[in-house]
Protein backbone atom coordinates (compact mmCIF):
# COMPACT_ATOMS: atom_id res chain seq x y z
CA MET A 1 0.00 0.00 0.00
CA THR A 2 1.41 3.36 -0.99
CA ARG A 3 0.19 6.85 -0.25
CA ALA A 4 0.67 9.12 -3.26
CA SER A 5 -0.80 12.10 -5.02
CA LEU A 6 -2.25 11.00 -8.37
CA VAL A 7 -2.52 14.55 -9.69
CA THR A 8 -0.03 17.32 -8.97
CA GLY A 9 -1.46 19.36 -6.15
CA GLY A 10 -4.29 16.87 -5.68
CA ALA A 11 -5.33 15.05 -2.54
CA GLU A 12 -3.36 12.00 -1.46
CA SER A 13 -4.79 8.60 -2.34
CA LEU A 14 -4.11 5.07 -1.17
CA ILE A 15 -2.97 2.66 -3.86
CA TYR A 16 -3.43 -1.07 -3.35
CA VAL A 17 -1.44 -3.58 -5.38
CA THR A 18 -2.11 -7.28 -5.89
CA ILE A 19 1.09 -9.30 -6.12
CA PRO A 20 1.16 -12.99 -7.04
CA VAL A 21 3.57 -15.04 -4.92
CA GLN A 22 5.64 -17.31 -7.14
CA SER A 23 6.54 -20.20 -4.81
CA ARG A 24 4.60 -22.46 -2.47
CA GLU A 25 7.21 -21.79 0.23
CA GLY A 26 6.52 -18.05 -0.07
CA VAL A 27 2.78 -18.62 0.25
CA GLU A 28 3.21 -20.84 3.30
CA PHE A 29 5.56 -18.31 4.92
CA LEU A 30 3.18 -15.38 4.35
CA GLU A 31 0.13 -17.38 5.49
CA GLY A 32 1.95 -18.34 8.70
CA LEU A 33 3.15 -14.78 9.27
CA GLU A 34 -0.34 -13.37 8.71
CA ARG A 35 -1.91 -15.96 11.03
CA ASN A 36 0.60 -15.23 13.81
CA MET A 37 0.30 -11.48 13.32
CA ARG A 38 -3.51 -11.69 13.59
CA LEU A 39 -3.17 -13.54 16.90
CA THR A 40 -0.53 -11.09 18.12
CA LEU A 41 -2.48 -8.00 17.09
CA MET A 42 -5.79 -9.17 18.59
CA GLU A 43 -4.92 -7.31 21.79
CA VAL A 44 -4.44 -4.04 19.88
CA PRO A 45 -7.70 -2.17 19.19
CA ARG A 46 -8.35 -1.46 15.51
CA TRP A 47 -9.34 1.93 14.11
CA THR A 48 -12.55 0.29 12.82
CA GLY A 49 -13.38 -1.14 16.23
CA ARG A 50 -13.54 -4.69 14.87
CA ASP A 51 -11.36 -7.47 13.52
CA SER A 52 -9.69 -6.68 10.20
CA LEU A 53 -10.89 -9.97 8.69
CA SER A 54 -14.51 -9.02 9.34
CA TYR A 55 -14.31 -5.66 7.55
CA ARG A 56 -12.17 -7.02 4.71
CA SER A 57 -14.78 -9.73 4.13
CA TYR A 58 -17.83 -7.56 4.75
CA TYR A 59 -19.43 -7.87 1.29
CA SER A 60 -17.97 -11.17 0.13
CA PRO A 61 -15.63 -13.70 1.73
CA VAL A 62 -11.94 -13.22 1.04
CA LYS A 63 -10.30 -16.44 -0.12
CA HIS A 64 -6.69 -17.15 -1.09
CA VAL A 65 -5.63 -13.59 -0.25
CA ILE A 66 -2.86 -12.68 2.19
CA ASP A 67 -3.20 -9.35 3.96
CA GLY A 68 0.08 -7.60 3.19
CA SER A 69 -0.62 -4.67 5.50
CA ILE A 70 -0.73 -7.04 8.47
CA CYS A 71 2.48 -8.77 7.33
CA GLU A 72 4.20 -5.39 6.81
CA SER A 73 3.31 -4.32 10.34
CA TYR A 74 5.72 -7.00 11.64
CA GLU A 75 8.69 -4.62 11.52
CA SER A 76 6.85 -2.00 13.59
CA LEU A 77 6.35 -4.42 16.50
CA PRO A 78 8.57 -4.31 19.60
CA MET A 79 11.59 -6.65 19.39
CA ASP A 80 10.26 -9.10 22.01
CA VAL A 81 7.00 -9.52 20.05
CA GLN A 82 8.97 -9.93 16.79
CA LYS A 83 10.97 -12.73 18.42
CA LYS A 84 7.77 -14.44 19.59
CA VAL A 85 6.23 -14.32 16.10
CA ALA A 86 9.49 -15.49 14.48
CA GLU A 87 9.72 -18.44 16.90
CA GLU A 88 6.19 -19.49 15.90
CA LEU A 89 7.45 -19.60 12.30
CA ASP A 90 10.60 -21.54 13.32
CA ARG A 91 12.77 -18.68 12.06
CA THR A 92 14.86 -15.88 13.50
CA VAL A 93 13.83 -12.23 13.37
CA VAL A 94 16.55 -11.57 10.80
CA GLU A 95 15.29 -14.40 8.58
CA VAL A 96 11.71 -13.09 8.70
CA LYS A 97 12.82 -9.55 7.82
CA LYS A 98 15.05 -10.88 5.01
CA LYS A 99 12.19 -12.96 3.57
CA MET A 100 9.85 -9.95 3.66
CA GLU A 101 12.50 -7.82 1.94
CA ASP A 102 13.02 -10.50 -0.74
CA ILE A 103 9.29 -10.65 -1.45
CA ARG A 104 9.09 -6.85 -1.55
CA ASN A 105 12.09 -6.60 -3.91
CA GLY A 106 10.79 -9.40 -6.13
CA VAL A 107 8.01 -7.08 -7.24
CA MET A 108 10.34 -4.45 -8.64
């Protein structure tokens, strides 16, 4: 998700991008990260006042889609929470950050 001005001098807009993941390992990693991040972030109140899955699936169920904004919020977590999430994935914090960077750079 990127915040940008589409017209010079215009209001900022949010731009969403759909990115296909090329490998099964990448899909499994992102699914696991998203699942663990959802469990970790359940204690944090949302700006909508409800679970992100409920408002993302409000009109129709979301299937086979990984929420990149939740995965990207991993790096903004405190280090002890990052370690906990990484341990659930059987990886180190550095490995998780490297994998996220590789996926991000694979788009460009």
